[in-house]
Amino acid sequence: MTRADFNARRHEMRCRFCGDPRLRILEDAKPPHEAGLGCASCGRHNGWLSKDENAEKRPNIKPGRRDDVWAKFGDRCVHCGIEAKHLDMLGYARTVQHCPPWKIERSQEVLLLPYCEPCQSDSAVKMRRTETLIARILELAEKVRRDA
């Protein structure tokens, strides 16, 4: 969801933790996001807003699908095992991760895994590090081939 999508749907959206309709845009977002959504009542994080240029890169997961994925896996993060109720209490979001990742497979017909917000962030950082390492190795291999 982009900022424009949120502004258009703001009147129908509620905090997924306390149900309050006073969601607000949080500007201190981590890349690749433009901003976050927070609840003015309970202060909890309710999701991320995409940059306009990223809006069409990955379709939104259908409403309720995230909850279905979490229920299927016992309402726990598959990476660290924290329970959904504890994430809610701590104010962390429940997310889902494509397996294999969206940027590799480009398909909604892949396995979705429940990840807590901290594990999802760690996963994204590790993927970027791995991609950088692979690119560097390929670059060095090409240099060795040219010099041989």
C-alpha atoms as a PDB file:
ATOM      1  CA  MET A   1       0.000   0.000   0.000  1.00  0.00           C
ATOM      2  CA  THR A   2       1.309   3.410  -0.922  1.00  0.00           C
ATOM      3  CA  ARG A   3       0.728   6.701   0.897  1.00  0.00           C
ATOM      4  CA  ALA A   4      -1.969   7.588  -1.664  1.00  0.00           C
ATOM      5  CA  ASP A   5      -3.700   4.212  -1.120  1.00  0.00           C
ATOM      6  CA  PHE A   6      -3.650   4.762   2.646  1.00  0.00           C
ATOM      7  CA  ASN A   7      -5.016   8.295   2.363  1.00  0.00           C
ATOM      8  CA  ALA A   8      -7.833   7.020   0.113  1.00  0.00           C
ATOM      9  CA  ARG A   9      -8.712   4.163   2.516  1.00  0.00           C
ATOM     10  CA  ARG A  10      -7.864   5.864   5.819  1.00  0.00           C
ATOM     11  CA  HIS A  11     -11.535   6.308   6.781  1.00  0.00           C
ATOM     12  CA  GLU A  12     -12.197   2.530   6.593  1.00  0.00           C
ATOM     13  CA  MET A  13      -9.012   1.303   8.268  1.00  0.00           C
ATOM     14  CA  ARG A  14      -8.569   0.454  11.945  1.00  0.00           C
ATOM     15  CA  CYS A  15      -5.649  -0.548  14.153  1.00  0.00           C
ATOM     16  CA  ARG A  16      -5.273  -4.310  13.957  1.00  0.00           C
ATOM     17  CA  PHE A  17      -4.407  -4.421  17.660  1.00  0.00           C
ATOM     18  CA  CYS A  18      -6.926  -2.163  19.409  1.00  0.00           C
ATOM     19  CA  GLY A  19      -9.430  -1.384  16.624  1.00  0.00           C
ATOM     20  CA  ASP A  20      -9.008   2.381  16.899  1.00  0.00           C
ATOM     21  CA  PRO A  21      -9.549   4.226  13.573  1.00  0.00           C
ATOM     22  CA  ARG A  22      -6.849   6.854  14.276  1.00  0.00           C
ATOM     23  CA  LEU A  23      -4.005   5.449  12.206  1.00  0.00           C
ATOM     24  CA  ARG A  24      -1.211   7.875  11.378  1.00  0.00           C
ATOM     25  CA  ILE A  25       1.745   7.920   9.029  1.00  0.00           C
ATOM     26  CA  LEU A  26       5.143   7.419  10.680  1.00  0.00           C
ATOM     27  CA  GLU A  27       7.936   9.029   8.699  1.00  0.00           C
ATOM     28  CA  ASP A  28      10.876   7.144  10.256  1.00  0.00           C
ATOM     29  CA  ALA A  29      10.666   4.171   7.887  1.00  0.00           C
ATOM     30  CA  LYS A  30      13.479   1.781   7.052  1.00  0.00           C
ATOM     31  CA  PRO A  31      14.349   1.327   3.354  1.00  0.00           C
ATOM     32  CA  PRO A  32      12.842   0.147   1.056  1.00  0.00           C
ATOM     33  CA  HIS A  33       9.669   1.589   2.645  1.00  0.00           C
ATOM     34  CA  GLU A  34       8.461   5.150   2.375  1.00  0.00           C
ATOM     35  CA  ALA A  35       6.762   5.301   5.753  1.00  0.00           C
ATOM     36  CA  GLY A  36       5.046   3.229   8.390  1.00  0.00           C
ATOM     37  CA  LEU A  37       1.570   3.191   9.906  1.00  0.00           C
ATOM     38  CA  GLY A  38       1.071   3.647  13.608  1.00  0.00           C
ATOM     39  CA  CYS A  39      -1.940   3.786  15.895  1.00  0.00           C
ATOM     40  CA  ALA A  40      -2.531   7.089  17.697  1.00  0.00           C
ATOM     41  CA  SER A  41      -4.311   5.208  20.493  1.00  0.00           C
ATOM     42  CA  CYS A  42      -2.113   2.221  21.403  1.00  0.00           C
ATOM     43  CA  GLY A  43       1.058   3.371  19.616  1.00  0.00           C
ATOM     44  CA  ARG A  44       1.622   0.055  17.856  1.00  0.00           C
ATOM     45  CA  HIS A  45       3.093  -0.379  14.390  1.00  0.00           C
ATOM     46  CA  ASN A  46       0.460  -1.472  11.852  1.00  0.00           C
ATOM     47  CA  GLY A  47       2.484  -1.949   8.679  1.00  0.00           C
ATOM     48  CA  TRP A  48       4.598  -0.266   6.038  1.00  0.00           C
ATOM     49  CA  LEU A  49       3.825   2.049   3.146  1.00  0.00           C
ATOM     50  CA  SER A  50       5.577   1.370  -0.153  1.00  0.00           C
ATOM     51  CA  LYS A  51       7.345   3.989  -2.179  1.00  0.00           C
ATOM     52  CA  ASP A  52       5.333   4.945  -5.265  1.00  0.00           C
ATOM     53  CA  GLU A  53       7.949   3.397  -7.549  1.00  0.00           C
ATOM     54  CA  ASN A  54       7.591   0.064  -5.687  1.00  0.00           C
ATOM     55  CA  ALA A  55       3.784   0.007  -5.748  1.00  0.00           C
ATOM     56  CA  GLU A  56       3.465  -2.323  -8.724  1.00  0.00           C
ATOM     57  CA  LYS A  57       6.479  -4.519  -8.031  1.00  0.00           C
ATOM     58  CA  ARG A  58       4.735  -6.917  -5.673  1.00  0.00           C
ATOM     59  CA  PRO A  59       0.977  -7.362  -5.254  1.00  0.00           C
ATOM     60  CA  ASN A  60      -0.492  -6.978  -1.790  1.00  0.00           C
ATOM     61  CA  ILE A  61      -1.339 -10.162   0.067  1.00  0.00           C
ATOM     62  CA  LYS A  62      -5.109 -10.540   0.262  1.00  0.00           C
ATOM     63  CA  PRO A  63      -6.806  -9.439   3.496  1.00  0.00           C
ATOM     64  CA  GLY A  64      -6.957 -12.287   5.996  1.00  0.00           C
ATOM     65  CA  ARG A  65      -4.254 -14.289   4.202  1.00  0.00           C
ATOM     66  CA  ARG A  66      -1.592 -13.302   6.740  1.00  0.00           C
ATOM     67  CA  ASP A  67      -3.782 -14.539   9.579  1.00  0.00           C
ATOM     68  CA  ASP A  68      -4.434 -17.809   7.697  1.00  0.00           C
ATOM     69  CA  VAL A  69      -0.698 -18.386   7.219  1.00  0.00           C
ATOM     70  CA  TRP A  70       0.027 -17.711  10.885  1.00  0.00           C
ATOM     71  CA  ALA A  71      -2.797 -20.049  11.984  1.00  0.00           C
ATOM     72  CA  LYS A  72      -1.527 -22.800   9.679  1.00  0.00           C
ATOM     73  CA  PHE A  73       1.853 -22.679  11.446  1.00  0.00           C
ATOM     74  CA  GLY A  74       0.454 -22.592  14.991  1.00  0.00           C
ATOM     75  CA  ASP A  75       0.492 -18.782  15.363  1.00  0.00           C
ATOM     76  CA  ARG A  76       4.297 -18.758  15.686  1.00  0.00           C
ATOM     77  CA  CYS A  77       7.154 -17.192  13.736  1.00  0.00           C
ATOM     78  CA  VAL A  78       8.841 -20.046  11.860  1.00  0.00           C
ATOM     79  CA  HIS A  79      12.250 -18.456  12.384  1.00  0.00           C
ATOM     80  CA  CYS A  80      12.385 -17.664  16.110  1.00  0.00           C
ATOM     81  CA  GLY A  81       9.230 -19.360  17.399  1.00  0.00           C
ATOM     82  CA  ILE A  82       7.706 -16.343  19.172  1.00  0.00           C
ATOM     83  CA  GLU A  83       3.931 -16.594  19.520  1.00  0.00           C
ATOM     84  CA  ALA A  84       1.606 -14.123  17.808  1.00  0.00           C
ATOM     85  CA  LYS A  85       0.065 -13.097  21.141  1.00  0.00           C
ATOM     86  CA  HIS A  86       3.506 -12.093  22.437  1.00  0.00           C
ATOM     87  CA  LEU A  87       4.226 -10.083  19.283  1.00  0.00           C
ATOM     88  CA  ASP A  88       0.911  -8.281  19.741  1.00  0.00           C
ATOM     89  CA  MET A  89       1.781  -7.558  23.372  1.00  0.00           C
ATOM     90  CA  LEU A  90       5.220  -6.198  22.354  1.00  0.00           C
ATOM     91  CA  GLY A  91       3.804  -4.156  19.465  1.00  0.00           C
ATOM     92  CA  TYR A  92       5.624  -6.039  16.697  1.00  0.00           C
ATOM     93  CA  ALA A  93       3.931  -6.847  13.408  1.00  0.00           C
ATOM     94  CA  ARG A  94       3.203 -10.324  12.094  1.00  0.00           C
ATOM     95  CA  THR A  95       4.369 -10.639   8.499  1.00  0.00           C
ATOM     96  CA  VAL A  96       4.599 -13.370   5.895  1.00  0.00           C
ATOM     97  CA  GLN A  97       7.579 -14.146   3.733  1.00  0.00           C
ATOM     98  CA  HIS A  98       7.503 -15.717   0.279  1.00  0.00           C
ATOM     99  CA  CYS A  99       9.547 -18.899  -0.071  1.00  0.00           C
ATOM    100  CA  PRO A 100      11.378 -18.704  -2.407  1.00  0.00           C
ATOM    101  CA  PRO A 101      11.545 -14.898  -2.096  1.00  0.00           C
ATOM    102  CA  TRP A 102       9.298 -12.780  -4.351  1.00  0.00           C
ATOM    103  CA  LYS A 103      12.257 -11.088  -6.027  1.00  0.00           C
ATOM    104  CA  ILE A 104      13.490 -14.517  -7.206  1.00  0.00           C
ATOM    105  CA  GLU A 105      10.263 -16.327  -8.109  1.00  0.00           C
ATOM    106  CA  ARG A 106       7.887 -13.395  -8.901  1.00  0.00           C
ATOM    107  CA  SER A 107       4.874 -15.538  -8.078  1.00  0.00           C
ATOM    108  CA  GLN A 108       2.100 -15.488  -5.513  1.00  0.00           C
ATOM    109  CA  GLU A 109       1.854 -19.289  -5.913  1.00  0.00           C
ATOM    110  CA  VAL A 110       4.738 -20.002  -3.552  1.00  0.00           C
ATOM    111  CA  LEU A 111       4.821 -21.057   0.073  1.00  0.00           C
ATOM    112  CA  LEU A 112       4.159 -18.226   2.507  1.00  0.00           C
ATOM    113  CA  LEU A 113       5.832 -18.491   5.910  1.00  0.00           C
ATOM    114  CA  PRO A 114       4.925 -16.571   9.081  1.00  0.00           C
ATOM    115  CA  TYR A 115       7.729 -14.258  10.205  1.00  0.00           C
ATOM    116  CA  CYS A 116       7.708 -11.732  13.024  1.00  0.00           C
ATOM    117  CA  GLU A 117       8.750  -8.193  12.121  1.00  0.00           C
ATOM    118  CA  PRO A 118      12.275  -8.481  13.636  1.00  0.00           C
ATOM    119  CA  CYS A 119      12.997 -11.777  11.840  1.00  0.00           C
ATOM    120  CA  GLN A 120      11.628 -10.387   8.561  1.00  0.00           C
ATOM    121  CA  SER A 121      13.982  -7.391   8.840  1.00  0.00           C
ATOM    122  CA  ASP A 122      16.960  -9.638   9.626  1.00  0.00           C
ATOM    123  CA  SER A 123      16.062 -11.882   6.701  1.00  0.00           C
ATOM    124  CA  ALA A 124      15.983  -8.948   4.275  1.00  0.00           C
ATOM    125  CA  VAL A 125      19.372  -7.668   5.480  1.00  0.00           C
ATOM    126  CA  LYS A 126      20.939 -11.125   5.183  1.00  0.00           C
ATOM    127  CA  MET A 127      19.517 -11.549   1.677  1.00  0.00           C
ATOM    128  CA  ARG A 128      21.002  -8.209   0.573  1.00  0.00           C
ATOM    129  CA  ARG A 129      24.384  -9.182   2.062  1.00  0.00           C
ATOM    130  CA  THR A 130      24.290 -12.528   0.257  1.00  0.00           C
ATOM    131  CA  GLU A 131      23.355 -10.872  -3.046  1.00  0.00           C
ATOM    132  CA  THR A 132      26.229  -8.411  -2.643  1.00  0.00           C
ATOM    133  CA  LEU A 133      28.649 -11.229  -1.866  1.00  0.00           C
ATOM    134  CA  ILE A 134      27.503 -13.274  -4.889  1.00  0.00           C
ATOM    135  CA  ALA A 135      27.833 -10.238  -7.170  1.00  0.00           C
ATOM    136  CA  ARG A 136      31.365  -9.595  -5.878  1.00  0.00           C
ATOM    137  CA  ILE A 137      32.376 -13.258  -6.360  1.00  0.00           C
ATOM    138  CA  LEU A 138      31.039 -13.230  -9.931  1.00  0.00           C
ATOM    139  CA  GLU A 139      32.880  -9.985 -10.605  1.00  0.00           C
ATOM    140  CA  LEU A 140      36.140 -11.456  -9.297  1.00  0.00           C
ATOM    141  CA  ALA A 141      35.623 -14.696 -11.254  1.00  0.00           C
ATOM    142  CA  GLU A 142      35.165 -12.683 -14.452  1.00  0.00           C
ATOM    143  CA  LYS A 143      38.335 -10.702 -13.700  1.00  0.00           C
ATOM    144  CA  VAL A 144      40.284 -13.949 -13.162  1.00  0.00           C
ATOM    145  CA  ARG A 145      38.958 -15.334 -16.477  1.00  0.00           C
ATOM    146  CA  ARG A 146      39.977 -12.161 -18.330  1.00  0.00           C
ATOM    147  CA  ASP A 147      43.457 -12.121 -16.753  1.00  0.00           C
ATOM    148  CA  ALA A 148      44.116 -15.833 -17.399  1.00  0.00           C
END
